[in-house]
Amino acid sequence: MIKVIIRTDRIEDFFERARKAAQKSDHGEPFNQSVTFSFEDPHEALMVLSEARSLLLLEEDLTQPNDSGQ
C-alpha cells in the first residue's frame, strides 16, 4: 500500500526534498512507497481532504499547546 502524506511546507523545503529524491535516483537507490502533497497555505491543504478528515485535523490542532505556552 502506498502511504499518502499531506503537509504544509515552505517552497524551499519542497525543493530540498526534490533535490534529495533526484540524488537518490541518480545513485539508483529505491524510493519509499509514498506520495507527498505539499501546500504552502494550510487552507489549501484542507480543501483536498474530506470534511471529516478536515474536522479531525482542526480538532487535533485545537488540543495542541500553542507557541505562547498557554
Protein backbone atom coordinates (compact mmCIF):
# COMPACT_ATOMS: atom_id res chain seq x y z
CA MET A 1 0.00 0.00 0.00
CA ILE A 2 1.25 3.47 -0.86
CA LYS A 3 1.42 5.95 2.01
CA VAL A 4 -0.07 9.39 1.23
CA ILE A 5 1.37 12.37 3.09
CA ILE A 6 -0.36 15.76 3.09
CA ARG A 7 1.61 18.58 4.63
CA THR A 8 2.07 22.31 4.75
CA ASP A 9 5.56 23.41 3.92
CA ARG A 10 7.72 26.24 2.68
CA ILE A 11 8.68 26.20 -1.00
CA GLU A 12 12.36 25.92 0.00
CA ASP A 13 11.64 22.70 1.91
CA PHE A 14 9.71 21.29 -1.05
CA PHE A 15 12.67 21.85 -3.38
CA GLU A 16 15.12 20.43 -0.82
CA ARG A 17 13.12 17.18 -0.72
CA ALA A 18 13.00 17.17 -4.54
CA ARG A 19 16.80 17.56 -4.72
CA LYS A 20 17.30 14.67 -2.29
CA ALA A 21 14.92 12.49 -4.32
CA ALA A 22 16.83 13.34 -7.52
CA GLN A 23 20.14 12.44 -5.87
CA LYS A 24 18.65 9.17 -4.65
CA SER A 25 17.51 8.42 -8.20
CA ASP A 26 20.94 9.32 -9.61
CA HIS A 27 22.52 6.77 -7.26
CA GLY A 28 19.99 4.09 -8.19
CA GLU A 29 18.57 3.93 -4.68
CA PRO A 30 14.97 2.75 -4.21
CA PHE A 31 12.21 5.18 -3.28
CA ASN A 32 9.78 4.85 -0.37
CA GLN A 33 6.31 3.71 -1.31
CA SER A 34 4.74 7.11 -0.62
CA VAL A 35 3.47 10.22 -2.31
CA THR A 36 3.54 13.68 -0.73
CA PHE A 37 1.25 16.62 -1.41
CA SER A 38 2.74 19.86 -0.09
CA PHE A 39 0.85 23.11 0.36
CA GLU A 40 2.14 26.50 1.44
CA ASP A 41 -1.31 27.55 2.62
CA PRO A 42 -2.93 25.28 5.25
CA HIS A 43 -6.38 26.23 3.97
CA GLU A 44 -5.50 24.80 0.55
CA ALA A 45 -4.44 21.54 2.18
CA LEU A 46 -7.81 21.29 3.91
CA MET A 47 -9.57 21.71 0.55
CA VAL A 48 -8.27 18.33 -0.69
CA LEU A 49 -9.41 16.46 2.42
CA SER A 50 -12.87 15.16 3.14
CA GLU A 51 -14.93 17.20 5.58
CA ALA A 52 -14.50 14.54 8.28
CA ARG A 53 -10.71 14.49 7.95
CA SER A 54 -10.53 18.29 7.91
CA LEU A 55 -12.54 18.45 11.12
CA LEU A 56 -10.31 15.82 12.70
CA LEU A 57 -7.19 17.85 11.88
CA LEU A 58 -8.75 21.05 13.16
CA GLU A 59 -9.82 19.30 16.36
CA GLU A 60 -6.31 17.87 16.86
CA ASP A 61 -4.76 21.31 16.28
CA LEU A 62 -7.01 22.83 18.96
CA THR A 63 -5.80 20.27 21.51
CA GLN A 64 -2.11 21.07 20.93
CA PRO A 65 -0.43 23.71 23.09
CA ASN A 66 0.22 26.96 21.22
CA ASP A 67 3.56 28.77 20.93
CA SER A 68 2.68 31.24 23.68
CA GLY A 69 2.90 28.45 26.26
CA GLN A 70 -0.79 28.52 27.17
